[in-house]
């Protein structure tokens, strides 16, 4: 085994831990043993961890946690970026010092994570971080980027489309809007009135959500919309149906609606994450980091992220 780093097998590092399921108040920064990379694994010294709604959703109660295979004590967070500092036996393609990003299900907010090097399991993986992509941005890509990619694929967005995206300014929306524009589509994005300028910066034509949304979309797009993605709930689904969009061109990510496809990042096409990172490195995809917090302020960071009104991504620095 090749090793690099300042921690020995007896070393200790910080990690966010939960001794009970619940809200932000159950999160605590603890000193824990540094994990060791086994065969086929790499250990990553984490420098940044991106937050997602699924992080607090799946640790909110025991029943939900069990569906994700989590038990107490549990870690927190899934998206990470950092540097490989230990490589297990049989690993090819990674070496100490390599910059990487990926996912470590409900354990990413920690100084060190151990993940499988082959990337064969979603949320237990590492990918090389391209030059030109900093760690804070890399730490936002995996969950939200893959989910957006899967949503676009589910409704087959192309250059002849006008797409209605509900929740366009959220963590998944910032990717979905830009990816749809890259695909050549016209994008109508829902948000609060105060988010209009922000949505324009992403490439969407803003429209306020709430009562009367269908009429506002008709006024903005007399020719109608051809596809829709609801990235928040079900309002956009109902409006899209009212506007005549067929169910096979509507998808959701946060709710289940009979007849409508549910897009899941785990079902993104192979290579989707690498493509996202390449677009960022080329300057074609921008990831707004709304705010970053030191790990000691994890509770406050999660409170803000869970409010669902963040424009962009929240990142934890380690």
Protein backbone atom coordinates (compact mmCIF):
# COMPACT_ATOMS: atom_id res chain seq x y z
CA UNK A 1 0.00 0.00 0.00
CA UNK A 2 1.20 3.49 -0.87
CA UNK A 3 0.57 6.21 1.67
CA UNK A 4 0.99 9.91 1.87
CA UNK A 5 -0.12 12.33 4.56
CA UNK A 6 0.48 13.47 8.06
CA UNK A 7 -1.96 11.12 9.80
CA UNK A 8 -0.88 7.69 10.99
CA UNK A 9 -3.19 4.72 11.47
CA UNK A 10 -3.66 5.91 15.05
CA UNK A 11 -4.41 9.51 13.95
CA UNK A 12 -7.65 11.31 14.54
CA UNK A 13 -9.62 13.85 12.56
CA UNK A 14 -12.88 15.79 12.66
CA UNK A 15 -16.23 14.53 11.39
CA UNK A 16 -19.83 15.64 11.73
CA UNK A 17 -21.75 12.98 13.61
CA UNK A 18 -25.35 12.34 14.67
CA UNK A 19 -26.23 10.33 17.78
CA UNK A 20 -29.93 10.84 17.05
CA UNK A 21 -31.89 11.55 13.89
CA UNK A 22 -33.49 14.98 13.62
CA UNK A 23 -32.83 18.55 12.56
CA UNK A 24 -29.67 20.67 12.51
CA UNK A 25 -29.53 20.69 16.32
CA UNK A 26 -28.45 17.01 16.38
CA UNK A 27 -25.31 17.70 14.31
CA UNK A 28 -22.01 17.80 16.19
CA UNK A 29 -18.36 18.01 15.18
CA UNK A 30 -16.52 15.10 16.79
CA UNK A 31 -12.96 13.86 16.90
CA UNK A 32 -12.87 10.38 15.30
CA UNK A 33 -10.21 7.87 14.22
CA UNK A 34 -8.87 8.49 10.73
CA UNK A 35 -10.21 5.72 8.43
CA UNK A 36 -7.78 3.50 6.52
CA UNK A 37 -8.03 2.62 2.83
CA UNK A 38 -8.52 -1.09 2.23
CA UNK A 39 -8.03 -3.03 -1.00
CA UNK A 40 -9.62 -1.23 -3.93
CA UNK A 41 -10.12 1.95 -1.94
CA UNK A 42 -8.62 5.42 -1.67
CA UNK A 43 -8.59 7.77 1.29
CA UNK A 44 -9.27 11.42 0.57
CA UNK A 45 -8.27 14.39 2.69
CA UNK A 46 -11.45 16.41 2.26
CA UNK A 47 -11.15 20.16 1.75
CA UNK A 48 -14.78 20.99 0.90
CA UNK A 49 -18.18 19.31 1.20
CA UNK A 50 -21.26 20.51 -0.68
CA UNK A 51 -24.69 20.34 0.98
CA UNK A 52 -27.86 19.02 -0.65
CA UNK A 53 -31.51 18.71 0.50
CA UNK A 54 -31.10 14.92 0.61
CA UNK A 55 -28.48 15.29 3.37
CA UNK A 56 -30.94 16.54 5.96
CA UNK A 57 -33.91 14.71 4.45
CA UNK A 58 -32.43 11.25 4.92
CA UNK A 59 -31.22 11.94 8.48
CA UNK A 60 -34.43 13.63 9.66
CA UNK A 61 -35.98 10.47 11.13
CA UNK A 62 -35.15 6.80 11.67
CA UNK A 63 -37.61 5.47 9.07
CA UNK A 64 -36.22 7.61 6.26
CA UNK A 65 -32.63 6.89 7.33
CA UNK A 66 -33.27 3.15 7.20
CA UNK A 67 -34.37 3.45 3.55
CA UNK A 68 -30.88 4.75 2.79
CA UNK A 69 -29.17 2.08 4.88
CA UNK A 70 -28.17 4.51 7.64
CA UNK A 71 -28.01 3.71 11.34
CA UNK A 72 -26.73 5.51 14.42
CA UNK A 73 -24.21 6.87 15.01
CA UNK A 74 -24.26 8.37 11.53
CA UNK A 75 -22.23 10.85 9.54
CA UNK A 76 -23.54 13.71 7.43
CA UNK A 77 -23.24 15.03 3.88
CA UNK A 78 -22.48 13.26 0.61
CA UNK A 79 -20.64 15.51 -1.87
CA UNK A 80 -16.93 16.11 -1.28
CA UNK A 81 -13.72 17.31 -2.91
CA UNK A 82 -10.13 16.99 -1.76
CA UNK A 83 -6.85 15.19 -2.33
CA UNK A 84 -5.99 11.51 -2.28
CA UNK A 85 -3.61 10.81 0.60
CA UNK A 86 -3.71 7.00 0.82
CA UNK A 87 -4.18 4.33 -1.84
CA UNK A 88 -5.20 0.74 -1.08
CA UNK A 89 -3.84 -2.41 -2.65
CA UNK A 90 -4.96 -3.14 -6.19
CA UNK A 91 -5.89 0.44 -7.01
CA UNK A 92 -4.93 1.81 -10.40
CA UNK A 93 -5.56 5.29 -11.73
CA UNK A 94 -5.15 7.15 -8.45
CA UNK A 95 -2.04 8.21 -6.57
CA UNK A 96 -1.36 10.25 -3.44
CA UNK A 97 -1.62 13.93 -4.28
CA UNK A 98 -4.33 13.52 -6.95
CA UNK A 99 -7.15 16.03 -6.67
CA UNK A 100 -10.51 14.26 -6.62
CA UNK A 101 -14.22 14.82 -6.06
CA UNK A 102 -17.21 12.54 -5.70
CA UNK A 103 -19.68 11.21 -3.17
CA UNK A 104 -19.50 9.41 0.15
CA UNK A 105 -23.06 8.76 1.31
CA UNK A 106 -23.81 10.56 4.58
CA UNK A 107 -20.15 10.83 5.64
CA UNK A 108 -18.60 13.54 3.47
CA UNK A 109 -18.43 16.31 6.08
CA UNK A 110 -15.24 14.97 7.63
CA UNK A 111 -11.51 15.54 7.38
CA UNK A 112 -11.09 12.13 5.73
CA UNK A 113 -13.31 9.78 3.74
CA UNK A 114 -12.56 6.36 2.28
CA UNK A 115 -14.28 5.51 -1.01
CA UNK A 116 -14.12 2.80 -3.67
CA UNK A 117 -11.66 3.60 -6.43
CA UNK A 118 -13.60 1.89 -9.22
CA UNK A 119 -16.55 4.26 -8.89
CA UNK A 120 -18.94 1.37 -9.46
CA UNK A 121 -21.27 2.36 -6.64
CA UNK A 122 -23.11 5.67 -6.67
CA UNK A 123 -22.33 7.80 -3.61
CA UNK A 124 -19.16 5.80 -2.90
CA UNK A 125 -16.76 7.07 -5.53
CA UNK A 126 -13.88 9.30 -6.59
CA UNK A 127 -13.26 11.16 -9.85
CA UNK A 128 -10.29 13.23 -10.93
CA UNK A 129 -10.83 16.97 -10.55
CA UNK A 130 -9.89 18.77 -13.78
CA UNK A 131 -7.47 21.67 -13.74
CA UNK A 132 -9.42 24.90 -13.59
CA UNK A 133 -12.08 23.56 -11.18
CA UNK A 134 -11.50 24.57 -7.57
CA UNK A 135 -12.44 22.30 -4.69
CA UNK A 136 -15.43 24.32 -3.51
CA UNK A 137 -17.02 24.05 -6.94
CA UNK A 138 -16.03 20.40 -7.38
CA UNK A 139 -17.73 19.65 -4.07
CA UNK A 140 -21.09 20.81 -5.48
CA UNK A 141 -21.19 18.68 -8.61
CA UNK A 142 -22.05 15.10 -7.78
CA UNK A 143 -25.60 14.97 -6.42
CA UNK A 144 -27.12 18.12 -7.95
CA UNK A 145 -25.24 17.90 -11.24
CA UNK A 146 -26.09 14.26 -11.83
CA UNK A 147 -29.73 14.89 -10.90
CA UNK A 148 -29.98 17.77 -13.36
CA UNK A 149 -28.36 15.65 -16.07
CA UNK A 150 -30.81 12.83 -15.41
CA UNK A 151 -33.76 15.25 -15.53
CA UNK A 152 -32.70 16.63 -18.91
CA UNK A 153 -32.27 13.11 -20.26
CA UNK A 154 -35.69 12.07 -18.92
CA UNK A 155 -37.45 14.71 -21.03
CA UNK A 156 -34.95 14.61 -23.92
CA UNK A 157 -34.27 18.35 -24.03
CA UNK A 158 -33.04 19.59 -27.41
CA UNK A 159 -32.62 22.77 -29.48
CA UNK A 160 -36.26 22.87 -30.58
CA UNK A 161 -37.60 22.91 -27.02
CA UNK A 162 -38.96 25.57 -24.72
CA UNK A 163 -38.54 24.12 -21.23
CA UNK A 164 -40.35 25.17 -18.07
CA UNK A 165 -38.13 24.56 -15.02
CA UNK A 166 -39.72 24.81 -11.59
CA UNK A 167 -37.32 25.78 -8.81
CA UNK A 168 -34.82 27.06 -11.35
CA UNK A 169 -32.65 28.90 -8.84
CA UNK A 170 -32.11 26.00 -6.44
CA UNK A 171 -29.17 23.64 -6.12
CA UNK A 172 -30.30 21.40 -8.99
CA UNK A 173 -31.85 24.24 -10.93
CA UNK A 174 -28.58 26.10 -11.44
CA UNK A 175 -27.31 23.06 -13.33
CA UNK A 176 -30.56 22.23 -15.13
CA UNK A 177 -31.02 25.74 -16.51
CA UNK A 178 -27.50 25.95 -17.88
CA UNK A 179 -27.47 22.41 -19.26
CA UNK A 180 -30.75 23.04 -21.06
CA UNK A 181 -29.30 26.23 -22.55
CA UNK A 182 -26.17 24.36 -23.60
CA UNK A 183 -28.49 21.86 -25.32
CA UNK A 184 -29.95 24.78 -27.27
CA UNK A 185 -33.32 25.04 -25.53
CA UNK A 186 -35.18 28.14 -24.46
CA UNK A 187 -35.64 28.07 -20.68
CA UNK A 188 -38.46 29.53 -18.59
CA UNK A 189 -37.53 29.33 -14.91
CA UNK A 190 -39.84 29.74 -11.93
CA UNK A 191 -38.73 31.54 -8.80
CA UNK A 192 -39.60 34.33 -6.41
CA UNK A 193 -39.84 37.86 -7.84
CA UNK A 194 -36.61 38.75 -6.04
CA UNK A 195 -34.75 35.99 -7.89
CA UNK A 196 -35.51 37.29 -11.39
CA UNK A 197 -32.12 38.88 -12.05
CA UNK A 198 -30.35 35.81 -10.71
CA UNK A 199 -32.32 33.52 -13.05
CA UNK A 200 -31.49 35.75 -16.00
CA UNK A 201 -27.81 35.46 -15.15
CA UNK A 202 -28.14 31.67 -15.35
CA UNK A 203 -29.78 31.93 -18.77
CA UNK A 204 -33.46 31.51 -17.86
CA UNK A 205 -36.38 33.82 -18.54
CA UNK A 206 -37.87 34.30 -15.07
CA UNK A 207 -41.50 33.84 -14.12
CA UNK A 208 -42.92 34.07 -10.59
CA UNK A 209 -44.28 30.87 -9.09
CA UNK A 210 -47.64 30.68 -7.29
CA UNK A 211 -51.25 31.30 -8.25
CA UNK A 212 -51.63 32.32 -11.89
CA UNK A 213 -48.39 30.68 -13.02
CA UNK A 214 -49.99 29.08 -16.08
CA UNK A 215 -51.33 32.44 -17.28
CA UNK A 216 -47.96 34.11 -16.76
CA UNK A 217 -46.23 31.38 -18.75
CA UNK A 218 -48.78 31.72 -21.57
CA UNK A 219 -48.13 35.44 -21.71
CA UNK A 220 -44.38 34.89 -21.83
CA UNK A 221 -44.51 32.02 -24.32
CA UNK A 222 -47.59 32.30 -26.55
CA UNK A 223 -46.37 29.31 -28.57
CA UNK A 224 -46.38 27.10 -25.49
CA UNK A 225 -43.76 25.04 -23.71
CA UNK A 226 -42.70 21.60 -24.93
CA UNK A 227 -41.13 20.08 -21.80
CA UNK A 228 -41.05 20.67 -18.06
CA UNK A 229 -38.93 19.77 -15.04
CA UNK A 230 -40.27 20.22 -11.52
CA UNK A 231 -37.27 20.53 -9.21
CA UNK A 232 -39.18 21.55 -6.09
CA UNK A 233 -42.59 19.92 -5.72
CA UNK A 234 -45.58 19.43 -8.03
CA UNK A 235 -46.75 22.94 -9.01
CA UNK A 236 -44.79 22.89 -12.27
CA UNK A 237 -46.16 19.43 -13.11
CA UNK A 238 -49.74 20.64 -12.81
CA UNK A 239 -49.04 23.81 -14.79
CA UNK A 240 -47.23 21.89 -17.52
CA UNK A 241 -50.22 19.57 -17.88
CA UNK A 242 -52.54 22.57 -18.02
CA UNK A 243 -50.37 23.97 -20.81
CA UNK A 244 -50.67 20.74 -22.78
CA UNK A 245 -47.24 19.21 -22.16
CA UNK A 246 -47.53 15.40 -22.40
CA UNK A 247 -46.54 13.39 -19.32
CA UNK A 248 -43.62 11.75 -21.10
CA UNK A 249 -42.01 15.19 -21.40
CA UNK A 250 -42.44 16.11 -17.73
CA UNK A 251 -40.24 14.95 -14.87
CA UNK A 252 -39.92 15.50 -11.14
CA UNK A 253 -37.05 15.05 -8.69
CA UNK A 254 -38.66 15.75 -5.31
CA UNK A 255 -42.15 14.24 -5.62
CA UNK A 256 -43.93 11.29 -7.18
CA UNK A 257 -46.73 11.93 -9.65
CA UNK A 258 -48.56 9.12 -11.45
CA UNK A 259 -47.61 9.05 -15.12
CA UNK A 260 -44.64 11.39 -14.71
CA UNK A 261 -41.02 10.21 -14.70
CA UNK A 262 -39.04 10.70 -11.51
CA UNK A 263 -35.45 11.66 -12.31
CA UNK A 264 -32.73 10.40 -9.99
CA UNK A 265 -29.04 11.26 -10.08
CA UNK A 266 -28.17 7.59 -9.57
CA UNK A 267 -29.70 6.95 -13.02
CA UNK A 268 -27.67 9.58 -14.85
CA UNK A 269 -25.91 8.29 -17.94
CA UNK A 270 -22.33 7.02 -17.47
CA UNK A 271 -19.83 9.84 -17.81
CA UNK A 272 -22.36 12.55 -16.90
CA UNK A 273 -20.31 13.73 -13.94
CA UNK A 274 -17.08 13.92 -15.91
CA UNK A 275 -18.90 15.91 -18.59
CA UNK A 276 -20.15 18.37 -15.99
CA UNK A 277 -16.64 18.86 -14.62
CA UNK A 278 -15.32 19.37 -18.15
CA UNK A 279 -17.94 22.05 -18.84
CA UNK A 280 -16.98 23.84 -15.63
CA UNK A 281 -13.28 23.67 -16.51
CA UNK A 282 -14.04 25.12 -19.96
CA UNK A 283 -16.01 27.99 -18.46
CA UNK A 284 -19.26 26.88 -20.10
CA UNK A 285 -20.99 25.92 -16.84
CA UNK A 286 -20.98 28.20 -13.81
CA UNK A 287 -21.70 26.95 -10.29
CA UNK A 288 -22.77 29.76 -7.95
CA UNK A 289 -21.54 29.08 -4.41
CA UNK A 290 -24.00 31.06 -2.32
CA UNK A 291 -22.02 30.79 0.90
CA UNK A 292 -19.32 28.71 2.56
CA UNK A 293 -19.01 27.87 6.25
CA UNK A 294 -16.29 26.36 8.43
CA UNK A 295 -17.24 22.91 9.68
CA UNK A 296 -17.76 24.29 13.18
CA UNK A 297 -20.81 26.17 11.82
CA UNK A 298 -22.43 23.10 10.29
CA UNK A 299 -25.72 23.65 12.10
CA UNK A 300 -26.16 27.15 10.74
CA UNK A 301 -25.18 26.03 7.24
CA UNK A 302 -27.80 23.28 7.28
CA UNK A 303 -30.48 25.63 8.63
CA UNK A 304 -29.90 27.95 5.68
CA UNK A 305 -29.72 25.13 3.14
CA UNK A 306 -32.85 23.45 4.51
CA UNK A 307 -34.78 26.70 4.08
CA UNK A 308 -34.87 25.91 0.35
CA UNK A 309 -34.40 29.55 -0.67
CA UNK A 310 -30.65 29.46 -1.30
CA UNK A 311 -29.54 30.79 -4.68
CA UNK A 312 -26.88 28.29 -5.60
CA UNK A 313 -24.93 25.95 -3.35
CA UNK A 314 -23.82 25.88 0.28
CA UNK A 315 -20.34 24.51 0.94
CA UNK A 316 -18.57 23.41 4.14
CA UNK A 317 -14.84 24.11 4.36
CA UNK A 318 -12.62 21.58 6.13
